[in-house]
PDB file of all heavy atoms in Angstrom:
ATOM      1  N   LEU A   1      37.949 -31.953-169.739  1.00  0.00           N
ATOM      2  CA  LEU A   1      37.307 -31.620-168.469  1.00  0.00           C
ATOM      3  C   LEU A   1      36.425 -32.745-167.984  1.00  0.00           C
ATOM      4  O   LEU A   1      35.775 -33.421-168.758  1.00  0.00           O
ATOM      5  CB  LEU A   1      36.449 -30.366-168.628  1.00  0.00           C
ATOM      6  CG  LEU A   1      37.197 -29.049-168.528  1.00  0.00           C
ATOM      7  CD1 LEU A   1      36.234 -27.912-168.751  1.00  0.00           C
ATOM      8  CD2 LEU A   1      37.877 -28.895-167.194  1.00  0.00           C
ATOM      9  N   PHE A   2      36.363 -32.888-166.673  1.00  0.00           N
ATOM     10  CA  PHE A   2      35.575 -33.947-166.063  1.00  0.00           C
ATOM     11  C   PHE A   2      34.776 -33.407-164.897  1.00  0.00           C
ATOM     12  O   PHE A   2      35.250 -32.593-164.125  1.00  0.00           O
ATOM     13  CB  PHE A   2      36.502 -35.050-165.558  1.00  0.00           C
ATOM     14  CG  PHE A   2      35.814 -36.099-164.742  1.00  0.00           C
ATOM     15  CD1 PHE A   2      35.258 -37.198-165.361  1.00  0.00           C
ATOM     16  CD2 PHE A   2      35.730 -35.989-163.365  1.00  0.00           C
ATOM     17  CE1 PHE A   2      34.623 -38.178-164.607  1.00  0.00           C
ATOM     18  CE2 PHE A   2      35.094 -36.960-162.613  1.00  0.00           C
ATOM     19  CZ  PHE A   2      34.554 -38.056-163.238  1.00  0.00           C
ATOM     20  N   ARG A   3      33.512 -33.849-164.776  1.00  0.00           N
ATOM     21  CA  ARG A   3      32.723 -33.613-163.573  1.00  0.00           C
ATOM     22  C   ARG A   3      32.027 -34.930-163.243  1.00  0.00           C
ATOM     23  O   ARG A   3      31.301 -35.461-164.045  1.00  0.00           O
ATOM     24  CB  ARG A   3      31.678 -32.503-163.799  1.00  0.00           C
ATOM     25  CG  ARG A   3      32.297 -31.159-164.003  1.00  0.00           C
ATOM     26  CD  ARG A   3      31.614 -30.004-163.313  1.00  0.00           C
ATOM     27  NE  ARG A   3      30.300 -29.682-163.761  1.00  0.00           N
ATOM     28  CZ  ARG A   3      29.314 -29.371-162.924  1.00  0.00           C
ATOM     29  NH1 ARG A   3      29.491 -29.430-161.640  1.00  0.00           N
ATOM     30  NH2 ARG A   3      28.151 -29.017-163.372  1.00  0.00           N
ATOM     31  N   SER A   4      32.219 -35.472-162.011  1.00  0.00           N
ATOM     32  CA  SER A   4      31.605 -36.760-161.646  1.00  0.00           C
ATOM     33  C   SER A   4      30.221 -36.533-161.058  1.00  0.00           C
ATOM     34  O   SER A   4      29.644 -35.564-161.277  1.00  0.00           O
ATOM     35  CB  SER A   4      32.507 -37.521-160.673  1.00  0.00           C
ATOM     36  OG  SER A   4      32.637 -36.845-159.484  1.00  0.00           O
ATOM     37  N   SER A   5      29.485 -37.350-160.466  1.00  0.00           N
ATOM     38  CA  SER A   5      28.162 -37.177-159.842  1.00  0.00           C
ATOM     39  C   SER A   5      27.202 -36.344-160.680  1.00  0.00           C
ATOM     40  O   SER A   5      27.535 -35.281-161.146  1.00  0.00           O
ATOM     41  CB  SER A   5      28.297 -36.533-158.473  1.00  0.00           C
ATOM     42  OG  SER A   5      27.066 -36.123-157.977  1.00  0.00           O
ATOM     43  N   LEU A   6      26.039 -36.821-160.906  1.00  0.00           N
ATOM     44  CA  LEU A   6      25.108 -36.188-161.823  1.00  0.00           C
ATOM     45  C   LEU A   6      24.074 -35.336-161.093  1.00  0.00           C
ATOM     46  O   LEU A   6      22.879 -35.520-161.249  1.00  0.00           O
ATOM     47  CB  LEU A   6      24.402 -37.247-162.668  1.00  0.00           C
ATOM     48  CG  LEU A   6      25.348 -38.181-163.409  1.00  0.00           C
ATOM     49  CD1 LEU A   6      24.576 -39.155-164.256  1.00  0.00           C
ATOM     50  CD2 LEU A   6      26.324 -37.394-164.256  1.00  0.00           C
ATOM     51  N   GLN A   7      24.489 -34.418-160.276  1.00  0.00           N
ATOM     52  CA  GLN A   7      23.548 -33.625-159.504  1.00  0.00           C
ATOM     53  C   GLN A   7      23.532 -32.183-159.959  1.00  0.00           C
ATOM     54  O   GLN A   7      24.459 -31.439-159.754  1.00  0.00           O
ATOM     55  CB  GLN A   7      23.877 -33.701-158.003  1.00  0.00           C
ATOM     56  CG  GLN A   7      23.741 -35.113-157.467  1.00  0.00           C
ATOM     57  CD  GLN A   7      23.980 -35.187-155.996  1.00  0.00           C
ATOM     58  OE1 GLN A   7      24.306 -34.188-155.372  1.00  0.00           O
ATOM     59  NE2 GLN A   7      23.834 -36.369-155.446  1.00  0.00           N
ATOM     60  N   ALA A   8      22.479 -31.836-160.587  1.00  0.00           N
ATOM     61  CA  ALA A   8      22.030 -30.485-160.926  1.00  0.00           C
ATOM     62  C   ALA A   8      23.072 -29.407-161.041  1.00  0.00           C
ATOM     63  O   ALA A   8      23.040 -28.454-160.298  1.00  0.00           O
ATOM     64  CB  ALA A   8      20.981 -30.066-159.920  1.00  0.00           C
ATOM     65  N   PRO A   9      23.995 -29.459-161.988  1.00  0.00           N
ATOM     66  CA  PRO A   9      24.771 -28.272-162.298  1.00  0.00           C
ATOM     67  C   PRO A   9      23.919 -27.309-163.114  1.00  0.00           C
ATOM     68  O   PRO A   9      22.849 -27.668-163.604  1.00  0.00           O
ATOM     69  CB  PRO A   9      25.927 -28.814-163.125  1.00  0.00           C
ATOM     70  CG  PRO A   9      25.362 -30.006-163.785  1.00  0.00           C
ATOM     71  CD  PRO A   9      24.361 -30.583-162.832  1.00  0.00           C
ATOM     72  N   ARG A  10      24.399 -26.090-163.273  1.00  0.00           N
ATOM     73  CA  ARG A  10      23.651 -25.112-164.040  1.00  0.00           C
ATOM     74  C   ARG A  10      23.733 -25.447-165.522  1.00  0.00           C
ATOM     75  O   ARG A  10      24.775 -25.785-166.039  1.00  0.00           O
ATOM     76  CB  ARG A  10      24.219 -23.713-163.766  1.00  0.00           C
ATOM     77  CG  ARG A  10      23.372 -22.606-164.329  1.00  0.00           C
ATOM     78  CD  ARG A  10      23.710 -21.282-163.659  1.00  0.00           C
ATOM     79  NE  ARG A  10      25.096 -20.936-163.801  1.00  0.00           N
ATOM     80  CZ  ARG A  10      25.864 -20.585-162.767  1.00  0.00           C
ATOM     81  NH1 ARG A  10      25.381 -20.549-161.553  1.00  0.00           N
ATOM     82  NH2 ARG A  10      27.121 -20.264-162.962  1.00  0.00           N
ATOM     83  N   ILE A  11      22.615 -25.333-166.224  1.00  0.00           N
ATOM     84  CA  ILE A  11      22.588 -25.518-167.668  1.00  0.00           C
ATOM     85  C   ILE A  11      22.248 -24.176-168.285  1.00  0.00           C
ATOM     86  O   ILE A  11      21.113 -23.728-168.255  1.00  0.00           O
ATOM     87  CB  ILE A  11      21.556 -26.581-168.074  1.00  0.00           C
ATOM     88  CG1 ILE A  11      21.892 -27.911-167.390  1.00  0.00           C
ATOM     89  CG2 ILE A  11      21.518 -26.754-169.577  1.00  0.00           C
ATOM     90  CD1 ILE A  11      20.962 -29.020-167.742  1.00  0.00           C
ATOM     91  N   ASP A  12      23.271 -23.489-168.795  1.00  0.00           N
ATOM     92  CA  ASP A  12      23.136 -22.131-169.302  1.00  0.00           C
ATOM     93  C   ASP A  12      22.491 -21.257-168.225  1.00  0.00           C
ATOM     94  O   ASP A  12      23.040 -21.111-167.162  1.00  0.00           O
ATOM     95  CB  ASP A  12      22.352 -22.123-170.610  1.00  0.00           C
ATOM     96  CG  ASP A  12      23.146 -22.783-171.735  1.00  0.00           C
ATOM     97  OD1 ASP A  12      24.385 -22.677-171.724  1.00  0.00           O
ATOM     98  OD2 ASP A  12      22.537 -23.388-172.613  1.00  0.00           O
ATOM     99  N   ALA A  13      21.308 -20.710-168.469  1.00  0.00           N
ATOM    100  CA  ALA A  13      20.738 -19.761-167.516  1.00  0.00           C
ATOM    101  C   ALA A  13      19.883 -20.442-166.461  1.00  0.00           C
ATOM    102  O   ALA A  13      19.429 -19.787-165.532  1.00  0.00           O
ATOM    103  CB  ALA A  13      19.894 -18.725-168.253  1.00  0.00           C
ATOM    104  N   GLY A  14      19.615 -21.733-166.576  1.00  0.00           N
ATOM    105  CA  GLY A  14      18.690 -22.368-165.647  1.00  0.00           C
ATOM    106  C   GLY A  14      19.331 -23.496-164.865  1.00  0.00           C
ATOM    107  O   GLY A  14      20.520 -23.718-164.917  1.00  0.00           O
ATOM    108  N   TRP A  15      18.505 -24.217-164.136  1.00  0.00           N
ATOM    109  CA  TRP A  15      18.966 -25.358-163.353  1.00  0.00           C
ATOM    110  C   TRP A  15      18.190 -26.588-163.782  1.00  0.00           C
ATOM    111  O   TRP A  15      17.013 -26.518-164.113  1.00  0.00           O
ATOM    112  CB  TRP A  15      18.752 -25.114-161.864  1.00  0.00           C
ATOM    113  CG  TRP A  15      19.739 -24.170-161.294  1.00  0.00           C
ATOM    114  CD1 TRP A  15      19.687 -22.802-161.320  1.00  0.00           C
ATOM    115  CD2 TRP A  15      20.940 -24.502-160.626  1.00  0.00           C
ATOM    116  NE1 TRP A  15      20.779 -22.264-160.712  1.00  0.00           N
ATOM    117  CE2 TRP A  15      21.572 -23.277-160.259  1.00  0.00           C
ATOM    118  CE3 TRP A  15      21.563 -25.702-160.293  1.00  0.00           C
ATOM    119  CZ2 TRP A  15      22.774 -23.230-159.584  1.00  0.00           C
ATOM    120  CZ3 TRP A  15      22.765 -25.648-159.609  1.00  0.00           C
ATOM    121  CH2 TRP A  15      23.356 -24.423-159.265  1.00  0.00           C
ATOM    122  N   SER A  16      18.843 -27.727-163.774  1.00  0.00           N
ATOM    123  CA  SER A  16      18.187 -28.973-164.137  1.00  0.00           C
ATOM    124  C   SER A  16      18.019 -29.826-162.881  1.00  0.00           C
ATOM    125  O   SER A  16      18.960 -29.961-162.106  1.00  0.00           O
ATOM    126  CB  SER A  16      19.045 -29.731-165.153  1.00  0.00           C
ATOM    127  OG  SER A  16      18.539 -31.031-165.352  1.00  0.00           O
ATOM    128  N   PRO A  17      16.856 -30.430-162.667  1.00  0.00           N
ATOM    129  CA  PRO A  17      16.678 -31.272-161.490  1.00  0.00           C
ATOM    130  C   PRO A  17      17.499 -32.547-161.566  1.00  0.00           C
ATOM    131  O   PRO A  17      17.824 -33.133-160.552  1.00  0.00           O
ATOM    132  CB  PRO A  17      15.179 -31.572-161.501  1.00  0.00           C
ATOM    133  CG  PRO A  17      14.784 -31.424-162.936  1.00  0.00           C
ATOM    134  CD  PRO A  17      15.654 -30.316-163.471  1.00  0.00           C
ATOM    135  N   ALA A  18      17.829 -32.998-162.759  1.00  0.00           N
ATOM    136  CA  ALA A  18      18.624 -34.219-162.932  1.00  0.00           C
ATOM    137  C   ALA A  18      19.213 -34.223-164.326  1.00  0.00           C
ATOM    138  O   ALA A  18      18.628 -33.702-165.268  1.00  0.00           O
ATOM    139  CB  ALA A  18      17.749 -35.452-162.726  1.00  0.00           C
ATOM    140  N   LEU A  19      20.384 -34.810-164.436  1.00  0.00           N
ATOM    141  CA  LEU A  19      21.032 -34.940-165.741  1.00  0.00           C
ATOM    142  C   LEU A  19      21.119 -36.406-166.092  1.00  0.00           C
ATOM    143  O   LEU A  19      21.414 -37.245-165.243  1.00  0.00           O
ATOM    144  CB  LEU A  19      22.427 -34.314-165.704  1.00  0.00           C
ATOM    145  CG  LEU A  19      22.450 -32.792-165.679  1.00  0.00           C
ATOM    146  CD1 LEU A  19      23.851 -32.299-165.385  1.00  0.00           C
ATOM    147  CD2 LEU A  19      21.970 -32.231-167.008  1.00  0.00           C
ATOM    148  N   ARG A  20      20.894 -36.702-167.361  1.00  0.00           N
ATOM    149  CA  ARG A  20      20.932 -38.071-167.837  1.00  0.00           C
ATOM    150  C   ARG A  20      22.017 -38.207-168.895  1.00  0.00           C
ATOM    151  O   ARG A  20      22.420 -37.209-169.504  1.00  0.00           O
ATOM    152  CB  ARG A  20      19.576 -38.453-168.425  1.00  0.00           C
ATOM    153  CG  ARG A  20      18.428 -38.417-167.425  1.00  0.00           C
ATOM    154  CD  ARG A  20      17.095 -38.609-168.127  1.00  0.00           C
ATOM    155  NE  ARG A  20      16.832 -37.534-169.075  1.00  0.00           N
ATOM    156  CZ  ARG A  20      15.769 -37.492-169.866  1.00  0.00           C
ATOM    157  NH1 ARG A  20      14.887 -38.470-169.843  1.00  0.00           N
ATOM    158  NH2 ARG A  20      15.590 -36.470-170.687  1.00  0.00           N
ATOM    159  N   PRO A  21      22.503 -39.432-169.134  1.00  0.00           N
ATOM    160  CA  PRO A  21      23.478 -39.632-170.207  1.00  0.00           C
ATOM    161  C   PRO A  21      22.976 -39.043-171.517  1.00  0.00           C
ATOM    162  O   PRO A  21      21.840 -39.246-171.919  1.00  0.00           O
ATOM    163  CB  PRO A  21      23.593 -41.160-170.285  1.00  0.00           C
ATOM    164  CG  PRO A  21      23.306 -41.615-168.892  1.00  0.00           C
ATOM    165  CD  PRO A  21      22.233 -40.683-168.393  1.00  0.00           C
ATOM    166  N   GLY A  22      23.825 -38.268-172.135  1.00  0.00           N
ATOM    167  CA  GLY A  22      23.468 -37.586-173.368  1.00  0.00           C
ATOM    168  C   GLY A  22      23.163 -36.121-173.175  1.00  0.00           C
ATOM    169  O   GLY A  22      23.220 -35.343-174.123  1.00  0.00           O
ATOM    170  N   ASP A  23      22.826 -35.716-171.938  1.00  0.00           N
ATOM    171  CA  ASP A  23      22.557 -34.303-171.660  1.00  0.00           C
ATOM    172  C   ASP A  23      23.850 -33.495-171.713  1.00  0.00           C
ATOM    173  O   ASP A  23      24.921 -33.993-171.361  1.00  0.00           O
ATOM    174  CB  ASP A  23      21.931 -34.124-170.275  1.00  0.00           C
ATOM    175  CG  ASP A  23      20.503 -34.632-170.205  1.00  0.00           C
ATOM    176  OD1 ASP A  23      19.909 -34.861-171.276  1.00  0.00           O
ATOM    177  OD2 ASP A  23      20.002 -34.800-169.081  1.00  0.00           O
ATOM    178  N   SER A  24      23.746 -32.244-172.143  1.00  0.00           N
ATOM    179  CA  SER A  24      24.884 -31.325-172.163  1.00  0.00           C
ATOM    180  C   SER A  24      24.556 -30.091-171.343  1.00  0.00           C
ATOM    181  O   SER A  24      23.389 -29.716-171.204  1.00  0.00           O
ATOM    182  CB  SER A  24      25.239 -30.923-173.598  1.00  0.00           C
ATOM    183  OG  SER A  24      25.715 -32.030-174.334  1.00  0.00           O
ATOM    184  N   PHE A  25      25.571 -29.451-170.815  1.00  0.00           N
ATOM    185  CA  PHE A  25      25.382 -28.260-169.995  1.00  0.00           C
ATOM    186  C   PHE A  25      26.677 -27.467-169.967  1.00  0.00           C
ATOM    187  O   PHE A  25      27.740 -27.946-170.356  1.00  0.00           O
ATOM    188  CB  PHE A  25      24.982 -28.640-168.561  1.00  0.00           C
ATOM    189  CG  PHE A  25      26.065 -29.362-167.805  1.00  0.00           C
ATOM    190  CD1 PHE A  25      26.996 -28.663-167.045  1.00  0.00           C
ATOM    191  CD2 PHE A  25      26.170 -30.741-167.874  1.00  0.00           C
ATOM    192  CE1 PHE A  25      28.012 -29.331-166.365  1.00  0.00           C
ATOM    193  CE2 PHE A  25      27.185 -31.417-167.197  1.00  0.00           C
ATOM    194  CZ  PHE A  25      28.096 -30.704-166.441  1.00  0.00           C
ATOM    195  N   ARG A  26      26.581 -26.247-169.499  1.00  0.00           N
ATOM    196  CA  ARG A  26      27.771 -25.447-169.194  1.00  0.00           C
ATOM    197  C   ARG A  26      27.480 -24.628-167.940  1.00  0.00           C
ATOM    198  O   ARG A  26      26.340 -24.261-167.689  1.00  0.00           O
ATOM    199  CB  ARG A  26      28.196 -24.580-170.364  1.00  0.00           C
ATOM    200  CG  ARG A  26      27.228 -23.486-170.756  1.00  0.00           C
ATOM    201  CD  ARG A  26      27.871 -22.534-171.751  1.00  0.00           C
ATOM    202  NE  ARG A  26      27.842 -23.030-173.107  1.00  0.00           N
ATOM    203  CZ  ARG A  26      28.676 -22.616-174.063  1.00  0.00           C
ATOM    204  NH1 ARG A  26      29.606 -21.738-173.807  1.00  0.00           N
ATOM    205  NH2 ARG A  26      28.561 -23.074-175.295  1.00  0.00           N
ATOM    206  N   ASP A  27      28.518 -24.320-167.184  1.00  0.00           N
ATOM    207  CA  ASP A  27      28.353 -23.633-165.905  1.00  0.00           C
ATOM    208  C   ASP A  27      28.394 -22.119-166.023  1.00  0.00           C
ATOM    209  O   ASP A  27      28.107 -21.421-165.059  1.00  0.00           O
ATOM    210  CB  ASP A  27      29.426 -24.101-164.910  1.00  0.00           C
ATOM    211  CG  ASP A  27      29.107 -25.474-164.337  1.00  0.00           C
ATOM    212  OD1 ASP A  27      27.919 -25.734-164.069  1.00  0.00           O
ATOM    213  OD2 ASP A  27      30.031 -26.281-164.165  1.00  0.00           O
ATOM    214  N   CYS A  28      28.779 -21.586-167.176  1.00  0.00           N
ATOM    215  CA  CYS A  28      28.771 -20.144-167.409  1.00  0.00           C
ATOM    216  C   CYS A  28      28.837 -19.916-168.915  1.00  0.00           C
ATOM    217  O   CYS A  28      29.064 -20.864-169.682  1.00  0.00           O
ATOM    218  CB  CYS A  28      29.947 -19.448-166.701  1.00  0.00           C
ATOM    219  SG  CYS A  28      31.569 -19.872-167.364  1.00  0.00           S
ATOM    220  N   ALA A  29      28.634 -18.676-169.332  1.00  0.00           N
ATOM    221  CA  ALA A  29      28.570 -18.391-170.764  1.00  0.00           C
ATOM    222  C   ALA A  29      29.845 -18.781-171.505  1.00  0.00           C
ATOM    223  O   ALA A  29      29.801 -19.219-172.653  1.00  0.00           O
ATOM    224  CB  ALA A  29      28.271 -16.910-170.979  1.00  0.00           C
ATOM    225  N   ASP A  30      31.002 -18.608-170.857  1.00  0.00           N
ATOM    226  CA  ASP A  30      32.277 -18.918-171.501  1.00  0.00           C
ATOM    227  C   ASP A  30      32.857 -20.250-171.049  1.00  0.00           C
ATOM    228  O   ASP A  30      33.984 -20.588-171.416  1.00  0.00           O
ATOM    229  CB  ASP A  30      33.292 -17.805-171.204  1.00  0.00           C
ATOM    230  CG  ASP A  30      32.920 -16.505-171.906  1.00  0.00           C
ATOM    231  OD1 ASP A  30      32.287 -16.583-172.973  1.00  0.00           O
ATOM    232  OD2 ASP A  30      33.258 -15.427-171.380  1.00  0.00           O
TER     233      ASP A  30
END
């Protein structure tokens, strides 16, 4: 899977103002 541009996707239950290299996230529980 790929997502380009580093603008605030959802990280589990919250939102991140910015993502940096090394950060991990998911858009939903599954």
